[in-house]
PDB file of all heavy atoms in Angstrom:
ATOM      1  N   THR A   1      45.141  -0.516 -37.332  1.00  0.00           N
ATOM      2  CA  THR A   1      45.512   0.751 -36.707  1.00  0.00           C
ATOM      3  C   THR A   1      45.102   0.695 -35.232  1.00  0.00           C
ATOM      4  O   THR A   1      44.213  -0.080 -34.841  1.00  0.00           O
ATOM      5  CB  THR A   1      44.796   1.924 -37.389  1.00  0.00           C
ATOM      6  OG1 THR A   1      43.384   1.838 -37.110  1.00  0.00           O
ATOM      7  CG2 THR A   1      45.018   1.913 -38.896  1.00  0.00           C
ATOM      8  N   PRO A   2      45.705   1.521 -34.382  1.00  0.00           N
ATOM      9  CA  PRO A   2      45.325   1.520 -32.966  1.00  0.00           C
ATOM     10  C   PRO A   2      43.841   1.770 -32.741  1.00  0.00           C
ATOM     11  O   PRO A   2      43.219   1.120 -31.885  1.00  0.00           O
ATOM     12  CB  PRO A   2      46.186   2.648 -32.374  1.00  0.00           C
ATOM     13  CG  PRO A   2      47.404   2.675 -33.249  1.00  0.00           C
ATOM     14  CD  PRO A   2      46.881   2.395 -34.633  1.00  0.00           C
ATOM     15  N   ASP A   3      43.242   2.690 -33.491  1.00  0.00           N
ATOM     16  CA  ASP A   3      41.828   3.012 -33.296  1.00  0.00           C
ATOM     17  C   ASP A   3      40.935   1.824 -33.643  1.00  0.00           C
ATOM     18  O   ASP A   3      39.985   1.507 -32.912  1.00  0.00           O
ATOM     19  CB  ASP A   3      41.431   4.221 -34.147  1.00  0.00           C
ATOM     20  CG  ASP A   3      41.974   5.529 -33.587  1.00  0.00           C
ATOM     21  OD1 ASP A   3      42.410   5.539 -32.416  1.00  0.00           O
ATOM     22  OD2 ASP A   3      41.977   6.530 -34.328  1.00  0.00           O
ATOM     23  N   ILE A   4      41.219   1.177 -34.772  1.00  0.00           N
ATOM     24  CA  ILE A   4      40.380   0.055 -35.196  1.00  0.00           C
ATOM     25  C   ILE A   4      40.545  -1.132 -34.258  1.00  0.00           C
ATOM     26  O   ILE A   4      39.562  -1.774 -33.860  1.00  0.00           O
ATOM     27  CB  ILE A   4      40.704  -0.338 -36.655  1.00  0.00           C
ATOM     28  CG1 ILE A   4      40.245   0.761 -37.608  1.00  0.00           C
ATOM     29  CG2 ILE A   4      40.043  -1.666 -37.015  1.00  0.00           C
ATOM     30  CD1 ILE A   4      40.627   0.546 -39.059  1.00  0.00           C
ATOM     31  N   VAL A   5      41.774  -1.444 -33.871  1.00  0.00           N
ATOM     32  CA  VAL A   5      42.001  -2.572 -32.966  1.00  0.00           C
ATOM     33  C   VAL A   5      41.337  -2.303 -31.618  1.00  0.00           C
ATOM     34  O   VAL A   5      40.699  -3.192 -31.036  1.00  0.00           O
ATOM     35  CB  VAL A   5      43.508  -2.837 -32.798  1.00  0.00           C
ATOM     36  CG1 VAL A   5      43.742  -3.899 -31.723  1.00  0.00           C
ATOM     37  CG2 VAL A   5      44.117  -3.285 -34.116  1.00  0.00           C
ATOM     38  N   ARG A   6      41.461  -1.098 -31.111  1.00  0.00           N
ATOM     39  CA  ARG A   6      40.843  -0.771 -29.819  1.00  0.00           C
ATOM     40  C   ARG A   6      39.323  -0.864 -29.898  1.00  0.00           C
ATOM     41  O   ARG A   6      38.662  -1.379 -28.985  1.00  0.00           O
ATOM     42  CB  ARG A   6      41.259   0.630 -29.371  1.00  0.00           C
ATOM     43  CG  ARG A   6      40.730   0.991 -27.967  1.00  0.00           C
ATOM     44  CD  ARG A   6      41.292   2.316 -27.467  1.00  0.00           C
ATOM     45  NE  ARG A   6      40.946   3.425 -28.344  1.00  0.00           N
ATOM     46  CZ  ARG A   6      41.818   4.056 -29.130  1.00  0.00           C
ATOM     47  NH1 ARG A   6      43.088   3.670 -29.157  1.00  0.00           N
ATOM     48  NH2 ARG A   6      41.426   5.055 -29.902  1.00  0.00           N
ATOM     49  N   ALA A   7      38.742  -0.368 -31.006  1.00  0.00           N
ATOM     50  CA  ALA A   7      37.287  -0.402 -31.148  1.00  0.00           C
ATOM     51  C   ALA A   7      36.766  -1.822 -31.286  1.00  0.00           C
ATOM     52  O   ALA A   7      35.732  -2.170 -30.720  1.00  0.00           O
ATOM     53  CB  ALA A   7      36.871   0.430 -32.353  1.00  0.00           C
ATOM     54  N   ALA A   8      37.470  -2.670 -32.045  1.00  0.00           N
ATOM     55  CA  ALA A   8      36.984  -4.023 -32.313  1.00  0.00           C
ATOM     56  C   ALA A   8      37.290  -4.992 -31.182  1.00  0.00           C
ATOM     57  O   ALA A   8      36.474  -5.864 -30.855  1.00  0.00           O
ATOM     58  CB  ALA A   8      37.598  -4.539 -33.619  1.00  0.00           C
ATOM     59  N   PHE A   9      38.474  -4.860 -30.563  1.00  0.00           N
ATOM     60  CA  PHE A   9      38.918  -5.838 -29.580  1.00  0.00           C
ATOM     61  C   PHE A   9      38.945  -5.302 -28.151  1.00  0.00           C
ATOM     62  O   PHE A   9      39.181  -6.068 -27.214  1.00  0.00           O
ATOM     63  CB  PHE A   9      40.322  -6.347 -29.937  1.00  0.00           C
ATOM     64  CG  PHE A   9      40.383  -7.126 -31.217  1.00  0.00           C
ATOM     65  CD1 PHE A   9      40.655  -6.496 -32.420  1.00  0.00           C
ATOM     66  CD2 PHE A   9      40.166  -8.501 -31.223  1.00  0.00           C
ATOM     67  CE1 PHE A   9      40.721  -7.210 -33.607  1.00  0.00           C
ATOM     68  CE2 PHE A   9      40.226  -9.224 -32.397  1.00  0.00           C
ATOM     69  CZ  PHE A   9      40.496  -8.582 -33.597  1.00  0.00           C
ATOM     70  N   GLY A  10      38.753  -3.993 -27.973  1.00  0.00           N
ATOM     71  CA  GLY A  10      38.801  -3.434 -26.643  1.00  0.00           C
ATOM     72  C   GLY A  10      40.186  -3.465 -26.039  1.00  0.00           C
ATOM     73  O   GLY A  10      40.341  -3.614 -24.825  1.00  0.00           O
ATOM     74  N   LEU A  11      41.210  -3.348 -26.872  1.00  0.00           N
ATOM     75  CA  LEU A  11      42.587  -3.432 -26.405  1.00  0.00           C
ATOM     76  C   LEU A  11      43.406  -2.293 -27.008  1.00  0.00           C
ATOM     77  O   LEU A  11      43.374  -2.067 -28.222  1.00  0.00           O
ATOM     78  CB  LEU A  11      43.206  -4.772 -26.824  1.00  0.00           C
ATOM     79  CG  LEU A  11      44.662  -5.011 -26.414  1.00  0.00           C
ATOM     80  CD1 LEU A  11      44.777  -5.139 -24.898  1.00  0.00           C
ATOM     81  CD2 LEU A  11      45.215  -6.259 -27.105  1.00  0.00           C
ATOM     82  N   SER A  12      44.127  -1.589 -26.151  1.00  0.00           N
ATOM     83  CA  SER A  12      45.021  -0.534 -26.639  1.00  0.00           C
ATOM     84  C   SER A  12      46.309  -1.159 -27.156  1.00  0.00           C
ATOM     85  O   SER A  12      46.896  -2.022 -26.487  1.00  0.00           O
ATOM     86  CB  SER A  12      45.337   0.460 -25.516  1.00  0.00           C
ATOM     87  OG  SER A  12      44.184   1.185 -25.155  1.00  0.00           O
ATOM     88  N   VAL A  13      46.722  -0.755 -28.337  1.00  0.00           N
ATOM     89  CA  VAL A  13      47.915  -1.332 -28.948  1.00  0.00           C
ATOM     90  C   VAL A  13      48.796  -0.223 -29.514  1.00  0.00           C
ATOM     91  O   VAL A  13      48.356   0.908 -29.725  1.00  0.00           O
ATOM     92  CB  VAL A  13      47.556  -2.320 -30.085  1.00  0.00           C
ATOM     93  CG1 VAL A  13      46.749  -3.492 -29.557  1.00  0.00           C
ATOM     94  CG2 VAL A  13      46.823  -1.605 -31.221  1.00  0.00           C
ATOM     95  N   VAL A  14      50.032  -0.599 -29.740  1.00  0.00           N
ATOM     96  CA  VAL A  14      50.968   0.231 -30.473  1.00  0.00           C
ATOM     97  C   VAL A  14      51.232  -0.468 -31.796  1.00  0.00           C
ATOM     98  O   VAL A  14      51.477  -1.680 -31.821  1.00  0.00           O
ATOM     99  CB  VAL A  14      52.287   0.414 -29.696  1.00  0.00           C
ATOM    100  CG1 VAL A  14      53.300   1.184 -30.530  1.00  0.00           C
ATOM    101  CG2 VAL A  14      52.025   1.116 -28.375  1.00  0.00           C
ATOM    102  N   VAL A  15      51.148   0.249 -32.888  1.00  0.00           N
ATOM    103  CA  VAL A  15      51.387  -0.324 -34.212  1.00  0.00           C
ATOM    104  C   VAL A  15      52.648   0.301 -34.781  1.00  0.00           C
ATOM    105  O   VAL A  15      52.755   1.524 -34.886  1.00  0.00           O
ATOM    106  CB  VAL A  15      50.197  -0.102 -35.157  1.00  0.00           C
ATOM    107  CG1 VAL A  15      50.487  -0.699 -36.535  1.00  0.00           C
ATOM    108  CG2 VAL A  15      48.924  -0.719 -34.576  1.00  0.00           C
ATOM    109  N   THR A  16      53.575  -0.557 -35.139  1.00  0.00           N
ATOM    110  CA  THR A  16      54.825  -0.097 -35.711  1.00  0.00           C
ATOM    111  C   THR A  16      55.151  -0.928 -36.932  1.00  0.00           C
ATOM    112  O   THR A  16      54.405  -1.849 -37.286  1.00  0.00           O
ATOM    113  CB  THR A  16      55.965  -0.201 -34.665  1.00  0.00           C
ATOM    114  OG1 THR A  16      57.156   0.386 -35.187  1.00  0.00           O
ATOM    115  CG2 THR A  16      56.229  -1.650 -34.287  1.00  0.00           C
ATOM    116  N   SER A  17      56.236  -0.629 -37.594  1.00  0.00           N
ATOM    117  CA  SER A  17      56.628  -1.371 -38.781  1.00  0.00           C
ATOM    118  C   SER A  17      57.340  -2.652 -38.381  1.00  0.00           C
ATOM    119  O   SER A  17      58.227  -2.642 -37.520  1.00  0.00           O
ATOM    120  CB  SER A  17      57.542  -0.507 -39.661  1.00  0.00           C
ATOM    121  OG  SER A  17      57.953  -1.222 -40.806  1.00  0.00           O
ATOM    122  N   ASN A  18      56.950  -3.760 -38.985  1.00  0.00           N
ATOM    123  CA  ASN A  18      57.623  -5.033 -38.734  1.00  0.00           C
ATOM    124  C   ASN A  18      59.029  -4.961 -39.316  1.00  0.00           C
ATOM    125  O   ASN A  18      59.192  -4.684 -40.511  1.00  0.00           O
ATOM    126  CB  ASN A  18      56.834  -6.173 -39.380  1.00  0.00           C
ATOM    127  CG  ASN A  18      57.330  -7.535 -38.947  1.00  0.00           C
ATOM    128  OD1 ASN A  18      58.527  -7.767 -38.850  1.00  0.00           O
ATOM    129  ND2 ASN A  18      56.399  -8.447 -38.690  1.00  0.00           N
ATOM    130  N   PRO A  19      60.058  -5.194 -38.508  1.00  0.00           N
ATOM    131  CA  PRO A  19      61.431  -5.074 -39.024  1.00  0.00           C
ATOM    132  C   PRO A  19      61.784  -6.125 -40.062  1.00  0.00           C
ATOM    133  O   PRO A  19      62.796  -5.996 -40.752  1.00  0.00           O
ATOM    134  CB  PRO A  19      62.293  -5.239 -37.765  1.00  0.00           C
ATOM    135  CG  PRO A  19      61.448  -6.014 -36.816  1.00  0.00           C
ATOM    136  CD  PRO A  19      60.042  -5.571 -37.084  1.00  0.00           C
ATOM    137  N   CYS A  20      60.937  -7.159 -40.186  1.00  0.00           N
ATOM    138  CA  CYS A  20      61.240  -8.250 -41.125  1.00  0.00           C
ATOM    139  C   CYS A  20      60.408  -8.206 -42.391  1.00  0.00           C
ATOM    140  O   CYS A  20      60.486  -9.120 -43.226  1.00  0.00           O
ATOM    141  CB  CYS A  20      61.047  -9.601 -40.429  1.00  0.00           C
ATOM    142  SG  CYS A  20      62.134  -9.854 -39.023  1.00  0.00           S
ATOM    143  N   GLY A  21      59.584  -7.189 -42.563  1.00  0.00           N
ATOM    144  CA  GLY A  21      58.754  -7.137 -43.761  1.00  0.00           C
ATOM    145  C   GLY A  21      57.953  -5.861 -43.817  1.00  0.00           C
ATOM    146  O   GLY A  21      57.837  -5.115 -42.826  1.00  0.00           O
ATOM    147  N   ASP A  22      57.370  -5.587 -44.975  1.00  0.00           N
ATOM    148  CA  ASP A  22      56.566  -4.381 -45.176  1.00  0.00           C
ATOM    149  C   ASP A  22      55.145  -4.628 -44.700  1.00  0.00           C
ATOM    150  O   ASP A  22      54.204  -4.744 -45.484  1.00  0.00           O
ATOM    151  CB  ASP A  22      56.583  -3.967 -46.646  1.00  0.00           C
ATOM    152  CG  ASP A  22      55.826  -2.661 -46.878  1.00  0.00           C
ATOM    153  OD1 ASP A  22      55.619  -1.919 -45.893  1.00  0.00           O
ATOM    154  OD2 ASP A  22      55.434  -2.407 -48.029  1.00  0.00           O
ATOM    155  N   CYS A  23      54.977  -4.753 -43.392  1.00  0.00           N
ATOM    156  CA  CYS A  23      53.663  -4.977 -42.813  1.00  0.00           C
ATOM    157  C   CYS A  23      53.675  -4.445 -41.380  1.00  0.00           C
ATOM    158  O   CYS A  23      54.735  -4.315 -40.764  1.00  0.00           O
ATOM    159  CB  CYS A  23      53.290  -6.458 -42.841  1.00  0.00           C
ATOM    160  SG  CYS A  23      54.447  -7.535 -41.968  1.00  0.00           S
ATOM    161  N   PRO A  24      52.502  -4.130 -40.850  1.00  0.00           N
ATOM    162  CA  PRO A  24      52.452  -3.590 -39.488  1.00  0.00           C
ATOM    163  C   PRO A  24      52.708  -4.660 -38.432  1.00  0.00           C
ATOM    164  O   PRO A  24      52.385  -5.834 -38.623  1.00  0.00           O
ATOM    165  CB  PRO A  24      51.028  -3.037 -39.382  1.00  0.00           C
ATOM    166  CG  PRO A  24      50.242  -3.793 -40.398  1.00  0.00           C
ATOM    167  CD  PRO A  24      51.188  -4.112 -41.510  1.00  0.00           C
ATOM    168  N   LEU A  25      53.273  -4.254 -37.328  1.00  0.00           N
ATOM    169  CA  LEU A  25      53.479  -5.101 -36.161  1.00  0.00           C
ATOM    170  C   LEU A  25      52.636  -4.538 -35.032  1.00  0.00           C
ATOM    171  O   LEU A  25      52.785  -3.365 -34.663  1.00  0.00           O
ATOM    172  CB  LEU A  25      54.959  -5.131 -35.768  1.00  0.00           C
ATOM    173  CG  LEU A  25      55.338  -5.971 -34.547  1.00  0.00           C
ATOM    174  CD1 LEU A  25      55.117  -7.451 -34.845  1.00  0.00           C
ATOM    175  CD2 LEU A  25      56.784  -5.714 -34.151  1.00  0.00           C
ATOM    176  N   VAL A  26      51.737  -5.344 -34.497  1.00  0.00           N
ATOM    177  CA  VAL A  26      50.786  -4.903 -33.477  1.00  0.00           C
ATOM    178  C   VAL A  26      51.252  -5.415 -32.112  1.00  0.00           C
ATOM    179  O   VAL A  26      51.410  -6.621 -31.918  1.00  0.00           O
ATOM    180  CB  VAL A  26      49.368  -5.416 -33.786  1.00  0.00           C
ATOM    181  CG1 VAL A  26      48.377  -4.902 -32.735  1.00  0.00           C
ATOM    182  CG2 VAL A  26      48.932  -4.984 -35.185  1.00  0.00           C
ATOM    183  N   VAL A  27      51.445  -4.487 -31.191  1.00  0.00           N
ATOM    184  CA  VAL A  27      51.939  -4.827 -29.858  1.00  0.00           C
ATOM    185  C   VAL A  27      50.979  -4.271 -28.811  1.00  0.00           C
ATOM    186  O   VAL A  27      50.647  -3.078 -28.850  1.00  0.00           O
ATOM    187  CB  VAL A  27      53.349  -4.236 -29.618  1.00  0.00           C
ATOM    188  CG1 VAL A  27      53.881  -4.639 -28.252  1.00  0.00           C
ATOM    189  CG2 VAL A  27      54.299  -4.676 -30.728  1.00  0.00           C
ATOM    190  N   PRO A  28      50.497  -5.097 -27.872  1.00  0.00           N
ATOM    191  CA  PRO A  28      49.633  -4.571 -26.810  1.00  0.00           C
ATOM    192  C   PRO A  28      50.350  -3.479 -26.017  1.00  0.00           C
ATOM    193  O   PRO A  28      51.535  -3.596 -25.702  1.00  0.00           O
ATOM    194  CB  PRO A  28      49.363  -5.800 -25.930  1.00  0.00           C
ATOM    195  CG  PRO A  28      49.566  -6.967 -26.840  1.00  0.00           C
ATOM    196  CD  PRO A  28      50.667  -6.561 -27.778  1.00  0.00           C
ATOM    197  N   ASP A  29      49.625  -2.413 -25.713  1.00  0.00           N
ATOM    198  CA  ASP A  29      50.178  -1.303 -24.951  1.00  0.00           C
ATOM    199  C   ASP A  29      50.067  -1.638 -23.464  1.00  0.00           C
ATOM    200  O   ASP A  29      49.002  -1.498 -22.857  1.00  0.00           O
ATOM    201  CB  ASP A  29      49.422  -0.014 -25.278  1.00  0.00           C
ATOM    202  CG  ASP A  29      50.057   1.211 -24.646  1.00  0.00           C
ATOM    203  OD1 ASP A  29      50.976   1.037 -23.819  1.00  0.00           O
ATOM    204  OD2 ASP A  29      49.630   2.333 -24.976  1.00  0.00           O
TER     205      ASP A  29
END
């Protein structure tokens, strides 16, 4: 999730659905 990724890695991200599967796609903001 954006909150967990930001807290652990210090990076703001956008999380969306991967168009190729039932899993999240993490993209740096």
